[in-house]
Amino acid sequence: MGAQRDDQPEVVVHVGDGSARPHPVDPARPGTSAADPAPEFPFLLLTRAPDDRIQARYLDDGTYELEHTGGAAHRQLFTTDALLVRDIVWSWIQRDTWWSDTVAWTTVDPAIAELHALHTELSDMLDGMSLMDTVTDELDQALARADELLDNFDPDFDPSDDAP
């Protein structure tokens, strides 16, 4: 009997390509579905399961932020060493324990993680509010123009009075 290929890849790769959501890419078949990261979204997210993932982000100051979530554990690491980032991610993919046993991770306090999630949610909401400001400004301008037109309106004017 031949080996069966599982249609669900063990590791799903997500890259920041500027879309609203990452695109999963099967590492065994990257083909045309693979997208290059855009400079404004420099991150790589690898997932095995919803509660087992590792993410690498390139920050504006030139450092890399790595985050690992495995079950209830949430760990973080900051480094400027791109080779270390590569080695950690590859070790995680290979299920080699080097990435967790050798590297000095910092445990993320659940309260801080909650604050970060709240900050992200509020930032998204405020982005929507700026759109509302634009709509409100347009509505104010339309109402001001209507007021100008109504200032010259004579309610007693009857166009039939001007007829010969």
N, C-alpha and C. Protein backbone atom coordinates (compact mmCIF):
# COMPACT_ATOMS: atom_id res chain seq x y z
N MET A 1 0.83 -1.18 0.00
CA MET A 1 0.00 0.00 0.00
C MET A 1 0.87 1.25 0.00
N GLY A 2 0.53 2.21 -0.84
CA GLY A 2 1.30 3.45 -0.91
C GLY A 2 0.94 4.39 0.23
N ALA A 3 1.86 5.30 0.48
CA ALA A 3 1.63 6.28 1.55
C ALA A 3 0.57 7.28 1.09
N GLN A 4 -0.34 7.56 1.96
CA GLN A 4 -1.40 8.52 1.67
C GLN A 4 -0.93 9.91 2.08
N ARG A 5 -1.22 10.90 1.26
CA ARG A 5 -0.88 12.27 1.61
C ARG A 5 -2.07 12.90 2.30
N ASP A 6 -1.81 13.50 3.45
CA ASP A 6 -2.86 14.19 4.20
C ASP A 6 -3.11 15.53 3.53
N ASP A 7 -4.37 15.84 3.22
CA ASP A 7 -4.69 17.12 2.59
C ASP A 7 -4.50 18.30 3.54
N GLN A 8 -4.52 18.04 4.82
CA GLN A 8 -4.29 19.10 5.81
C GLN A 8 -2.81 19.12 6.15
N PRO A 9 -2.10 20.20 5.81
CA PRO A 9 -0.67 20.24 6.14
C PRO A 9 -0.47 20.31 7.64
N GLU A 10 0.66 19.76 8.10
CA GLU A 10 0.95 19.79 9.54
C GLU A 10 1.18 21.23 10.00
N VAL A 11 1.92 21.99 9.20
CA VAL A 11 2.20 23.38 9.52
C VAL A 11 1.61 24.25 8.43
N VAL A 12 0.84 25.23 8.82
CA VAL A 12 0.27 26.18 7.87
C VAL A 12 1.02 27.49 8.02
N VAL A 13 1.44 28.05 6.90
CA VAL A 13 2.23 29.28 6.88
C VAL A 13 1.34 30.44 6.47
N HIS A 14 1.40 31.52 7.24
CA HIS A 14 0.68 32.75 6.92
C HIS A 14 1.72 33.85 6.76
N VAL A 15 1.60 34.66 5.72
CA VAL A 15 2.52 35.76 5.52
C VAL A 15 1.74 37.06 5.44
N GLY A 16 2.38 38.14 5.84
CA GLY A 16 1.74 39.44 5.77
C GLY A 16 1.83 39.99 4.37
N ASP A 17 0.74 39.91 3.62
CA ASP A 17 0.76 40.37 2.24
C ASP A 17 -0.12 41.60 2.04
N GLY A 18 -0.54 42.22 3.14
CA GLY A 18 -1.33 43.43 3.02
C GLY A 18 -2.82 43.19 2.97
N SER A 19 -3.27 41.96 2.93
CA SER A 19 -4.71 41.70 2.90
C SER A 19 -5.25 41.75 4.32
N ALA A 20 -6.54 41.73 4.42
CA ALA A 20 -7.18 41.80 5.74
C ALA A 20 -6.87 40.56 6.56
N ARG A 21 -6.64 39.45 5.92
CA ARG A 21 -6.40 38.18 6.60
C ARG A 21 -5.22 37.47 5.97
N PRO A 22 -4.42 36.75 6.76
CA PRO A 22 -3.33 35.98 6.16
C PRO A 22 -3.87 34.86 5.28
N HIS A 23 -3.11 34.50 4.27
CA HIS A 23 -3.47 33.38 3.40
C HIS A 23 -2.71 32.15 3.85
N PRO A 24 -3.39 31.05 4.16
CA PRO A 24 -2.66 29.84 4.50
C PRO A 24 -1.96 29.29 3.25
N VAL A 25 -0.76 28.81 3.44
CA VAL A 25 0.03 28.25 2.35
C VAL A 25 0.50 26.87 2.79
N ASP A 26 0.30 25.89 1.95
CA ASP A 26 0.79 24.54 2.23
C ASP A 26 2.27 24.50 1.86
N PRO A 27 3.17 24.31 2.84
CA PRO A 27 4.60 24.31 2.51
C PRO A 27 4.98 23.23 1.50
N ALA A 28 4.20 22.16 1.42
CA ALA A 28 4.50 21.09 0.47
C ALA A 28 4.13 21.50 -0.96
N ARG A 29 3.20 22.44 -1.09
CA ARG A 29 2.75 22.89 -2.41
C ARG A 29 2.63 24.41 -2.43
N PRO A 30 3.73 25.16 -2.32
CA PRO A 30 3.59 26.61 -2.26
C PRO A 30 3.06 27.20 -3.55
N GLY A 31 3.57 26.76 -4.70
CA GLY A 31 3.07 27.16 -6.01
C GLY A 31 2.64 28.60 -6.09
N THR A 32 1.50 28.83 -6.74
CA THR A 32 1.03 30.19 -6.97
C THR A 32 0.29 30.74 -5.76
N SER A 33 -0.05 29.90 -4.78
CA SER A 33 -0.80 30.41 -3.63
C SER A 33 0.11 31.12 -2.64
N ALA A 34 1.42 30.96 -2.78
CA ALA A 34 2.33 31.63 -1.86
C ALA A 34 2.37 33.12 -2.19
N ALA A 35 2.35 33.94 -1.17
CA ALA A 35 2.40 35.39 -1.36
C ALA A 35 3.63 35.93 -0.66
N ASP A 36 4.26 36.90 -1.28
CA ASP A 36 5.43 37.52 -0.65
C ASP A 36 4.98 38.53 0.38
N PRO A 37 5.68 38.59 1.52
CA PRO A 37 5.31 39.58 2.53
C PRO A 37 5.50 40.98 1.99
N ALA A 38 4.57 41.84 2.30
CA ALA A 38 4.69 43.25 1.91
C ALA A 38 5.47 43.98 3.00
N PRO A 39 6.24 45.00 2.64
CA PRO A 39 7.03 45.70 3.66
C PRO A 39 6.20 46.28 4.79
N GLU A 40 4.96 46.64 4.52
CA GLU A 40 4.14 47.22 5.59
C GLU A 40 3.51 46.16 6.49
N PHE A 41 3.63 44.89 6.15
CA PHE A 41 3.12 43.80 6.97
C PHE A 41 4.20 42.73 7.12
N PRO A 42 5.33 43.05 7.75
CA PRO A 42 6.44 42.10 7.79
C PRO A 42 6.29 41.06 8.90
N PHE A 43 5.48 40.04 8.66
CA PHE A 43 5.36 38.99 9.66
C PHE A 43 5.22 37.63 9.00
N LEU A 44 5.55 36.63 9.78
CA LEU A 44 5.42 35.24 9.37
C LEU A 44 4.78 34.50 10.52
N LEU A 45 3.67 33.84 10.27
CA LEU A 45 2.95 33.10 11.29
C LEU A 45 2.85 31.65 10.86
N LEU A 46 3.29 30.75 11.73
CA LEU A 46 3.22 29.32 11.47
C LEU A 46 2.30 28.69 12.50
N THR A 47 1.34 27.91 12.05
CA THR A 47 0.40 27.28 12.98
C THR A 47 0.35 25.77 12.73
N ARG A 48 0.23 25.05 13.84
CA ARG A 48 -0.02 23.60 13.78
C ARG A 48 -1.46 23.33 14.18
N ALA A 49 -1.92 24.09 15.13
CA ALA A 49 -3.28 23.99 15.66
C ALA A 49 -3.63 25.39 16.18
N PRO A 50 -4.90 25.64 16.46
CA PRO A 50 -5.25 26.98 16.97
C PRO A 50 -4.47 27.39 18.21
N ASP A 51 -4.06 26.41 19.01
CA ASP A 51 -3.34 26.75 20.25
C ASP A 51 -1.85 26.42 20.17
N ASP A 52 -1.33 26.17 18.98
CA ASP A 52 0.11 25.91 18.81
C ASP A 52 0.59 26.69 17.60
N ARG A 53 1.27 27.80 17.88
CA ARG A 53 1.72 28.66 16.79
C ARG A 53 2.98 29.41 17.19
N ILE A 54 3.71 29.87 16.18
CA ILE A 54 4.87 30.72 16.40
C ILE A 54 4.81 31.83 15.35
N GLN A 55 5.11 33.04 15.78
CA GLN A 55 5.03 34.19 14.88
C GLN A 55 6.31 35.01 14.99
N ALA A 56 6.82 35.44 13.85
CA ALA A 56 7.98 36.33 13.80
C ALA A 56 7.54 37.61 13.10
N ARG A 57 7.81 38.75 13.76
CA ARG A 57 7.48 40.05 13.16
C ARG A 57 8.74 40.91 13.14
N TYR A 58 8.93 41.64 12.05
CA TYR A 58 10.03 42.59 11.95
C TYR A 58 9.48 43.95 12.34
N LEU A 59 10.04 44.54 13.39
CA LEU A 59 9.54 45.80 13.93
C LEU A 59 10.25 46.99 13.29
N ASP A 60 9.64 48.16 13.42
CA ASP A 60 10.17 49.38 12.82
C ASP A 60 11.58 49.73 13.28
N ASP A 61 11.93 49.36 14.51
CA ASP A 61 13.25 49.71 15.04
C ASP A 61 14.34 48.72 14.62
N GLY A 62 14.02 47.76 13.75
CA GLY A 62 15.02 46.82 13.26
C GLY A 62 15.16 45.56 14.08
N THR A 63 14.32 45.38 15.07
CA THR A 63 14.36 44.15 15.87
C THR A 63 13.26 43.20 15.41
N TYR A 64 13.43 41.96 15.78
CA TYR A 64 12.43 40.94 15.50
C TYR A 64 11.73 40.58 16.80
N GLU A 65 10.43 40.40 16.72
CA GLU A 65 9.65 39.92 17.85
C GLU A 65 9.17 38.52 17.49
N LEU A 66 9.49 37.57 18.34
CA LEU A 66 8.99 36.21 18.16
C LEU A 66 8.02 35.92 19.29
N GLU A 67 6.90 35.32 18.95
CA GLU A 67 5.91 34.91 19.95
C GLU A 67 5.57 33.46 19.71
N HIS A 68 5.47 32.72 20.80
CA HIS A 68 5.04 31.33 20.70
C HIS A 68 3.87 31.13 21.65
N THR A 69 2.83 30.50 21.15
CA THR A 69 1.69 30.12 21.97
C THR A 69 1.53 28.62 21.83
N GLY A 70 1.56 27.95 22.97
CA GLY A 70 1.37 26.51 22.99
C GLY A 70 0.48 26.17 24.16
N GLY A 71 -0.78 25.89 23.89
CA GLY A 71 -1.74 25.69 24.99
C GLY A 71 -1.94 26.99 25.74
N ALA A 72 -1.76 26.95 27.04
CA ALA A 72 -1.93 28.16 27.86
C ALA A 72 -0.66 28.99 27.91
N ALA A 73 0.47 28.42 27.49
CA ALA A 73 1.75 29.13 27.56
C ALA A 73 1.85 30.15 26.42
N HIS A 74 2.29 31.35 26.77
CA HIS A 74 2.49 32.41 25.79
C HIS A 74 3.85 33.03 26.08
N ARG A 75 4.80 32.83 25.15
CA ARG A 75 6.16 33.30 25.37
C ARG A 75 6.56 34.26 24.26
N GLN A 76 7.58 35.09 24.59
CA GLN A 76 7.98 36.15 23.68
C GLN A 76 9.50 36.31 23.73
N LEU A 77 10.05 36.81 22.63
CA LEU A 77 11.49 37.03 22.52
C LEU A 77 11.72 38.18 21.56
N PHE A 78 12.66 39.07 21.89
CA PHE A 78 13.07 40.15 21.00
C PHE A 78 14.54 39.96 20.68
N THR A 79 14.90 40.12 19.40
CA THR A 79 16.29 39.97 18.98
C THR A 79 16.52 40.78 17.70
N THR A 80 17.78 41.12 17.46
CA THR A 80 18.16 41.75 16.19
C THR A 80 18.83 40.74 15.26
N ASP A 81 18.96 39.52 15.70
CA ASP A 81 19.66 38.47 14.96
C ASP A 81 18.69 37.70 14.06
N ALA A 82 18.74 38.00 12.77
CA ALA A 82 17.85 37.34 11.81
C ALA A 82 18.14 35.85 11.70
N LEU A 83 19.39 35.45 11.86
CA LEU A 83 19.73 34.02 11.80
C LEU A 83 19.15 33.26 12.98
N LEU A 84 19.12 33.89 14.14
CA LEU A 84 18.49 33.26 15.30
C LEU A 84 17.00 33.06 15.05
N VAL A 85 16.36 34.05 14.46
CA VAL A 85 14.94 33.94 14.12
C VAL A 85 14.73 32.76 13.18
N ARG A 86 15.55 32.69 12.15
CA ARG A 86 15.45 31.58 11.19
C ARG A 86 15.62 30.23 11.88
N ASP A 87 16.64 30.14 12.74
CA ASP A 87 16.92 28.87 13.42
C ASP A 87 15.79 28.46 14.37
N ILE A 88 15.22 29.43 15.07
CA ILE A 88 14.11 29.14 15.99
C ILE A 88 12.91 28.63 15.21
N VAL A 89 12.56 29.33 14.13
CA VAL A 89 11.39 28.94 13.34
C VAL A 89 11.61 27.55 12.72
N TRP A 90 12.79 27.31 12.18
CA TRP A 90 13.07 26.01 11.57
C TRP A 90 13.04 24.89 12.61
N SER A 91 13.60 25.16 13.78
CA SER A 91 13.58 24.17 14.86
C SER A 91 12.15 23.85 15.28
N TRP A 92 11.30 24.88 15.35
CA TRP A 92 9.89 24.68 15.71
C TRP A 92 9.19 23.81 14.66
N ILE A 93 9.45 24.11 13.39
CA ILE A 93 8.84 23.33 12.30
C ILE A 93 9.26 21.86 12.40
N GLN A 94 10.53 21.62 12.69
CA GLN A 94 11.07 20.26 12.74
C GLN A 94 10.72 19.52 14.03
N ARG A 95 10.04 20.19 14.94
CA ARG A 95 9.71 19.64 16.26
C ARG A 95 10.97 19.30 17.06
N ASP A 96 12.04 20.02 16.79
CA ASP A 96 13.27 19.91 17.56
C ASP A 96 13.09 20.76 18.81
N THR A 97 13.48 20.26 19.96
CA THR A 97 13.26 21.00 21.21
C THR A 97 14.28 22.11 21.43
N TRP A 98 15.25 22.26 20.53
CA TRP A 98 16.27 23.29 20.69
C TRP A 98 15.66 24.67 20.89
N TRP A 99 14.65 25.00 20.08
CA TRP A 99 14.06 26.34 20.12
C TRP A 99 13.48 26.66 21.49
N SER A 100 12.97 25.67 22.21
CA SER A 100 12.36 25.94 23.52
C SER A 100 13.32 25.69 24.67
N ASP A 101 14.27 24.75 24.50
CA ASP A 101 15.20 24.41 25.58
C ASP A 101 16.39 25.35 25.68
N THR A 102 16.86 25.85 24.56
CA THR A 102 18.11 26.61 24.51
C THR A 102 17.89 28.12 24.52
N VAL A 103 16.86 28.57 23.88
CA VAL A 103 16.61 30.01 23.73
C VAL A 103 15.95 30.57 24.98
N ALA A 104 16.36 31.77 25.38
CA ALA A 104 15.83 32.42 26.59
C ALA A 104 14.55 33.18 26.25
N TRP A 105 13.42 32.55 26.45
CA TRP A 105 12.11 33.15 26.20
C TRP A 105 11.63 33.87 27.46
N THR A 106 10.76 34.85 27.27
CA THR A 106 10.10 35.53 28.38
C THR A 106 8.64 35.13 28.36
N THR A 107 8.12 34.73 29.50
CA THR A 107 6.70 34.39 29.59
C THR A 107 5.89 35.68 29.60
N VAL A 108 4.88 35.73 28.76
CA VAL A 108 4.02 36.91 28.68
C VAL A 108 2.98 36.80 29.78
N ASP A 109 2.91 37.83 30.60
CA ASP A 109 1.91 37.88 31.67
C ASP A 109 0.52 37.91 31.04
N PRO A 110 -0.41 37.05 31.47
CA PRO A 110 -1.75 37.04 30.88
C PRO A 110 -2.44 38.40 30.94
N ALA A 111 -2.19 39.16 32.00
CA ALA A 111 -2.82 40.49 32.10
C ALA A 111 -2.28 41.41 31.01
N ILE A 112 -0.99 41.33 30.73
CA ILE A 112 -0.40 42.16 29.68
C ILE A 112 -0.90 41.70 28.31
N ALA A 113 -1.02 40.41 28.12
CA ALA A 113 -1.56 39.90 26.86
C ALA A 113 -2.99 40.39 26.66
N GLU A 114 -3.77 40.42 27.73
CA GLU A 114 -5.15 40.91 27.64
C GLU A 114 -5.17 42.40 27.30
N LEU A 115 -4.27 43.17 27.92
CA LEU A 115 -4.18 44.60 27.61
C LEU A 115 -3.78 44.83 26.16
N HIS A 116 -2.86 44.01 25.66
CA HIS A 116 -2.45 44.13 24.27
C HIS A 116 -3.63 43.82 23.33
N ALA A 117 -4.38 42.78 23.64
CA ALA A 117 -5.55 42.43 22.83
C ALA A 117 -6.58 43.55 22.87
N LEU A 118 -6.79 44.14 24.04
CA LEU A 118 -7.74 45.25 24.17
C LEU A 118 -7.26 46.46 23.38
N HIS A 119 -5.96 46.75 23.45
CA HIS A 119 -5.39 47.87 22.69
C HIS A 119 -5.62 47.68 21.20
N THR A 120 -5.38 46.46 20.71
CA THR A 120 -5.58 46.16 19.30
C THR A 120 -7.05 46.34 18.91
N GLU A 121 -7.94 45.84 19.74
CA GLU A 121 -9.37 45.95 19.45
C GLU A 121 -9.82 47.41 19.44
N LEU A 122 -9.37 48.19 20.42
CA LEU A 122 -9.75 49.60 20.47
C LEU A 122 -9.15 50.38 19.31
N SER A 123 -7.93 50.04 18.91
CA SER A 123 -7.31 50.71 17.77
C SER A 123 -8.13 50.47 16.51
N ASP A 124 -8.59 49.23 16.33
CA ASP A 124 -9.43 48.92 15.17
C ASP A 124 -10.73 49.70 15.22
N MET A 125 -11.31 49.83 16.40
CA MET A 125 -12.56 50.58 16.55
C MET A 125 -12.34 52.06 16.25
N LEU A 126 -11.22 52.61 16.72
CA LEU A 126 -10.94 54.02 16.49
C LEU A 126 -10.67 54.30 15.02
N ASP A 127 -10.09 53.34 14.31
CA ASP A 127 -9.91 53.51 12.87
C ASP A 127 -11.27 53.67 12.20
N GLY A 128 -12.26 52.91 12.66
CA GLY A 128 -13.62 53.05 12.14
C GLY A 128 -14.24 54.39 12.50
N MET A 129 -13.87 54.91 13.67
CA MET A 129 -14.40 56.21 14.09
C MET A 129 -13.90 57.33 13.19
N SER A 130 -12.67 57.24 12.70
CA SER A 130 -12.15 58.29 11.82
C SER A 130 -12.96 58.32 10.52
N LEU A 131 -13.44 57.17 10.07
CA LEU A 131 -14.32 57.14 8.91
C LEU A 131 -15.63 57.84 9.23
N MET A 132 -16.14 57.64 10.44
CA MET A 132 -17.37 58.32 10.85
C MET A 132 -17.17 59.83 10.89
N ASP A 133 -15.98 60.29 11.29
CA ASP A 133 -15.68 61.72 11.29
C ASP A 133 -15.78 62.28 9.88
N THR A 134 -15.28 61.55 8.90
CA THR A 134 -15.34 62.00 7.51
C THR A 134 -16.79 62.10 7.05
N VAL A 135 -17.59 61.09 7.37
CA VAL A 135 -19.00 61.11 6.98
C VAL A 135 -19.72 62.27 7.67
N THR A 136 -19.43 62.49 8.94
CA THR A 136 -20.05 63.58 9.69
C THR A 136 -19.67 64.92 9.09
N ASP A 137 -18.41 65.10 8.69
CA ASP A 137 -17.97 66.35 8.07
C ASP A 137 -18.72 66.60 6.77
N GLU A 138 -18.88 65.56 5.95
CA GLU A 138 -19.61 65.70 4.68
C GLU A 138 -21.08 66.07 4.94
N LEU A 139 -21.68 65.45 5.95
CA LEU A 139 -23.06 65.75 6.29
C LEU A 139 -23.20 67.18 6.78
N ASP A 140 -22.26 67.65 7.59
CA ASP A 140 -22.27 69.04 8.07
C ASP A 140 -22.19 70.01 6.90
N GLN A 141 -21.35 69.72 5.92
CA GLN A 141 -21.23 70.60 4.75
C GLN A 141 -22.53 70.62 3.95
N ALA A 142 -23.16 69.46 3.80
CA ALA A 142 -24.42 69.40 3.06
C ALA A 142 -25.51 70.18 3.78
N LEU A 143 -25.57 70.07 5.10
CA LEU A 143 -26.58 70.81 5.86
C LEU A 143 -26.31 72.31 5.82
N ALA A 144 -25.05 72.71 5.83
CA ALA A 144 -24.72 74.14 5.73
C ALA A 144 -25.16 74.69 4.38
N ARG A 145 -24.95 73.91 3.31
CA ARG A 145 -25.38 74.35 1.98
C ARG A 145 -26.91 74.43 1.93
N ALA A 146 -27.61 73.49 2.54
CA ALA A 146 -29.07 73.53 2.58
C ALA A 146 -29.54 74.76 3.34
N ASP A 147 -28.87 75.12 4.43
CA ASP A 147 -29.23 76.33 5.18
C ASP A 147 -29.06 77.57 4.32
N GLU A 148 -27.98 77.63 3.52
CA GLU A 148 -27.76 78.77 2.64
C GLU A 148 -28.90 78.90 1.64
N LEU A 149 -29.29 77.79 1.04
CA LEU A 149 -30.37 77.81 0.05
C LEU A 149 -31.70 78.18 0.69
N LEU A 150 -31.94 77.72 1.90
CA LEU A 150 -33.21 78.01 2.57
C LEU A 150 -33.28 79.44 3.10
N ASP A 151 -32.13 80.09 3.29
CA ASP A 151 -32.13 81.48 3.74
C ASP A 151 -32.79 82.39 2.71
N ASN A 152 -32.67 82.04 1.42
CA ASN A 152 -33.26 82.86 0.35
C ASN A 152 -34.66 82.39 -0.01
N PHE A 153 -35.18 81.43 0.69
CA PHE A 153 -36.50 80.88 0.39
C PHE A 153 -37.58 81.78 0.98
N ASP A 154 -38.56 82.15 0.15
CA ASP A 154 -39.69 82.97 0.59
C ASP A 154 -40.92 82.08 0.62
N PRO A 155 -41.43 81.74 1.82
CA PRO A 155 -42.58 80.83 1.90
C PRO A 155 -43.86 81.44 1.31
N ASP A 156 -43.93 82.77 1.20
CA ASP A 156 -45.13 83.42 0.67
C ASP A 156 -45.09 83.56 -0.84
N PHE A 157 -43.98 83.19 -1.45
CA PHE A 157 -43.83 83.33 -2.90
C PHE A 157 -44.72 82.31 -3.60
N ASP A 158 -45.52 82.81 -4.54
CA ASP A 158 -46.40 81.95 -5.34
C ASP A 158 -46.04 82.20 -6.80
N PRO A 159 -45.50 81.21 -7.51
CA PRO A 159 -45.10 81.42 -8.90
C PRO A 159 -46.28 81.77 -9.79
N SER A 160 -47.49 81.42 -9.42
CA SER A 160 -48.65 81.73 -10.27
C SER A 160 -48.97 83.22 -10.23
N ASP A 161 -48.48 83.96 -9.22
CA ASP A 161 -48.72 85.40 -9.15
C ASP A 161 -47.96 86.13 -10.25
N ASP A 162 -46.87 85.58 -10.73
CA ASP A 162 -46.06 86.23 -11.76
C ASP A 162 -46.59 85.92 -13.15
N ALA A 163 -47.54 85.04 -13.30
CA ALA A 163 -48.05 84.66 -14.62
C ALA A 163 -48.86 85.80 -15.21
N PRO A 164 -48.74 86.07 -16.57
CA PRO A 164 -49.51 87.17 -17.19
C PRO A 164 -50.97 86.87 -17.38
